[in-house]
Amino acid sequence: MTLQHEEIISAANFYIEHGWYVVPVKGKRPLGEKWHERAALNTDHFINDFDGVGVLLGEKSNLIDFDCDSDESELTLQKLFGG
């Protein structure tokens, strides 16, 4: 395992400690078919040619994501969430 892979596994373990389901990625794409079903609270499935870690959003990890692609959308999000 390369130093880069060790650092990625370390990051994945940090996410796992927070209860977030992880999946190996290459670029921004999850590796393998049905990756959303294979996301797990361990790194046992990090056996392919991965170069990053992804976190499964939604009910399992109890996480959501908001993309603010403009100043207007960022202001709207801040208004909605008081921040």
C-alpha atoms as a PDB file:
ATOM      1  CA  MET A   1       0.000   0.000   0.000  1.00  0.00           C
ATOM      2  CA  THR A   2       1.371   3.412  -0.945  1.00  0.00           C
ATOM      3  CA  LEU A   3       1.634   6.381   1.396  1.00  0.00           C
ATOM      4  CA  GLN A   4      -1.203   8.027  -0.533  1.00  0.00           C
ATOM      5  CA  HIS A   5      -3.406   4.968   0.025  1.00  0.00           C
ATOM      6  CA  GLU A   6      -2.516   4.952   3.729  1.00  0.00           C
ATOM      7  CA  GLU A   7      -3.566   8.598   4.000  1.00  0.00           C
ATOM      8  CA  ILE A   8      -6.841   7.858   2.211  1.00  0.00           C
ATOM      9  CA  ILE A   9      -7.544   4.914   4.532  1.00  0.00           C
ATOM     10  CA  SER A  10      -6.777   7.180   7.494  1.00  0.00           C
ATOM     11  CA  ALA A  11      -9.297   9.739   6.203  1.00  0.00           C
ATOM     12  CA  ALA A  12     -11.842   6.960   5.619  1.00  0.00           C
ATOM     13  CA  ASN A  13     -11.377   5.747   9.196  1.00  0.00           C
ATOM     14  CA  PHE A  14     -11.994   9.290  10.462  1.00  0.00           C
ATOM     15  CA  TYR A  15     -15.290   9.354   8.551  1.00  0.00           C
ATOM     16  CA  ILE A  16     -16.198   5.884   9.821  1.00  0.00           C
ATOM     17  CA  GLU A  17     -15.628   7.037  13.408  1.00  0.00           C
ATOM     18  CA  HIS A  18     -18.333   9.630  12.763  1.00  0.00           C
ATOM     19  CA  GLY A  19     -20.729   6.952  11.506  1.00  0.00           C
ATOM     20  CA  TRP A  20     -20.370   7.913   7.855  1.00  0.00           C
ATOM     21  CA  TYR A  21     -20.466   5.112   5.255  1.00  0.00           C
ATOM     22  CA  VAL A  22     -17.474   5.179   2.905  1.00  0.00           C
ATOM     23  CA  VAL A  23     -16.740   3.983  -0.610  1.00  0.00           C
ATOM     24  CA  PRO A  24     -13.505   4.013  -2.648  1.00  0.00           C
ATOM     25  CA  VAL A  25     -13.420   6.461  -5.545  1.00  0.00           C
ATOM     26  CA  LYS A  26     -11.263   7.176  -8.569  1.00  0.00           C
ATOM     27  CA  GLY A  27     -11.410  10.858  -9.361  1.00  0.00           C
ATOM     28  CA  LYS A  28     -14.945  11.781  -8.372  1.00  0.00           C
ATOM     29  CA  ARG A  29     -16.485   8.457  -9.409  1.00  0.00           C
ATOM     30  CA  PRO A  30     -17.241   5.638  -6.983  1.00  0.00           C
ATOM     31  CA  LEU A  31     -15.601   2.359  -7.954  1.00  0.00           C
ATOM     32  CA  GLY A  32     -17.660  -0.655  -8.941  1.00  0.00           C
ATOM     33  CA  GLU A  33     -21.262  -1.334  -9.630  1.00  0.00           C
ATOM     34  CA  LYS A  34     -23.874  -0.907  -6.924  1.00  0.00           C
ATOM     35  CA  TRP A  35     -21.349   1.153  -4.945  1.00  0.00           C
ATOM     36  CA  HIS A  36     -24.172   2.690  -2.902  1.00  0.00           C
ATOM     37  CA  GLU A  37     -25.041  -0.792  -1.655  1.00  0.00           C
ATOM     38  CA  ARG A  38     -21.400  -1.587  -0.865  1.00  0.00           C
ATOM     39  CA  ALA A  39     -20.687   1.614   1.095  1.00  0.00           C
ATOM     40  CA  ALA A  40     -19.735   0.450   4.557  1.00  0.00           C
ATOM     41  CA  LEU A  41     -18.450   1.374   7.981  1.00  0.00           C
ATOM     42  CA  ASN A  42     -15.107  -0.275   7.188  1.00  0.00           C
ATOM     43  CA  THR A  43     -12.453  -0.153   4.476  1.00  0.00           C
ATOM     44  CA  ASP A  44     -12.477  -3.867   3.628  1.00  0.00           C
ATOM     45  CA  HIS A  45     -13.787  -3.044   0.135  1.00  0.00           C
ATOM     46  CA  PHE A  46     -10.897  -0.634  -0.611  1.00  0.00           C
ATOM     47  CA  ILE A  47      -9.029  -3.194  -2.719  1.00  0.00           C
ATOM     48  CA  ASN A  48      -9.172  -1.698  -6.207  1.00  0.00           C
ATOM     49  CA  ASP A  49      -7.209   1.088  -7.809  1.00  0.00           C
ATOM     50  CA  PHE A  50      -8.691   3.898  -5.710  1.00  0.00           C
ATOM     51  CA  ASP A  51      -7.340   7.417  -5.308  1.00  0.00           C
ATOM     52  CA  GLY A  52      -9.836   8.798  -2.823  1.00  0.00           C
ATOM     53  CA  VAL A  53     -12.683   8.141  -0.458  1.00  0.00           C
ATOM     54  CA  GLY A  54     -16.313   9.068  -0.883  1.00  0.00           C
ATOM     55  CA  VAL A  55     -18.967   9.397   1.790  1.00  0.00           C
ATOM     56  CA  LEU A  56     -22.458   8.071   1.161  1.00  0.00           C
ATOM     57  CA  LEU A  57     -24.982  10.839   1.668  1.00  0.00           C
ATOM     58  CA  GLY A  58     -28.507  10.248   2.868  1.00  0.00           C
ATOM     59  CA  GLU A  59     -30.188   8.196   5.528  1.00  0.00           C
ATOM     60  CA  LYS A  60     -27.372   5.728   6.297  1.00  0.00           C
ATOM     61  CA  SER A  61     -24.769   8.390   7.039  1.00  0.00           C
ATOM     62  CA  ASN A  62     -27.342  10.966   8.144  1.00  0.00           C
ATOM     63  CA  LEU A  63     -25.731  13.571   5.869  1.00  0.00           C
ATOM     64  CA  ILE A  64     -26.982  15.917   3.189  1.00  0.00           C
ATOM     65  CA  ASP A  65     -25.095  18.206   0.822  1.00  0.00           C
ATOM     66  CA  PHE A  66     -25.968  21.602  -0.573  1.00  0.00           C
ATOM     67  CA  ASP A  67     -24.189  22.938  -3.664  1.00  0.00           C
ATOM     68  CA  CYS A  68     -24.070  26.710  -3.880  1.00  0.00           C
ATOM     69  CA  ASP A  69     -23.005  27.474  -7.428  1.00  0.00           C
ATOM     70  CA  SER A  70     -23.552  31.217  -7.235  1.00  0.00           C
ATOM     71  CA  ASP A  71     -23.440  34.069  -4.735  1.00  0.00           C
ATOM     72  CA  GLU A  72     -27.235  34.233  -4.871  1.00  0.00           C
ATOM     73  CA  SER A  73     -27.648  30.569  -3.970  1.00  0.00           C
ATOM     74  CA  GLU A  74     -25.169  30.919  -1.093  1.00  0.00           C
ATOM     75  CA  LEU A  75     -27.101  33.907   0.296  1.00  0.00           C
ATOM     76  CA  THR A  76     -30.378  32.007  -0.027  1.00  0.00           C
ATOM     77  CA  LEU A  77     -28.918  29.036   1.851  1.00  0.00           C
ATOM     78  CA  GLN A  78     -27.642  31.326   4.597  1.00  0.00           C
ATOM     79  CA  LYS A  79     -31.094  32.916   4.934  1.00  0.00           C
ATOM     80  CA  LEU A  80     -32.788  29.524   5.133  1.00  0.00           C
ATOM     81  CA  PHE A  81     -30.445  28.209   7.809  1.00  0.00           C
ATOM     82  CA  GLY A  82     -29.764  31.417   9.697  1.00  0.00           C
ATOM     83  CA  GLY A  83     -26.123  31.586   8.964  1.00  0.00           C
END
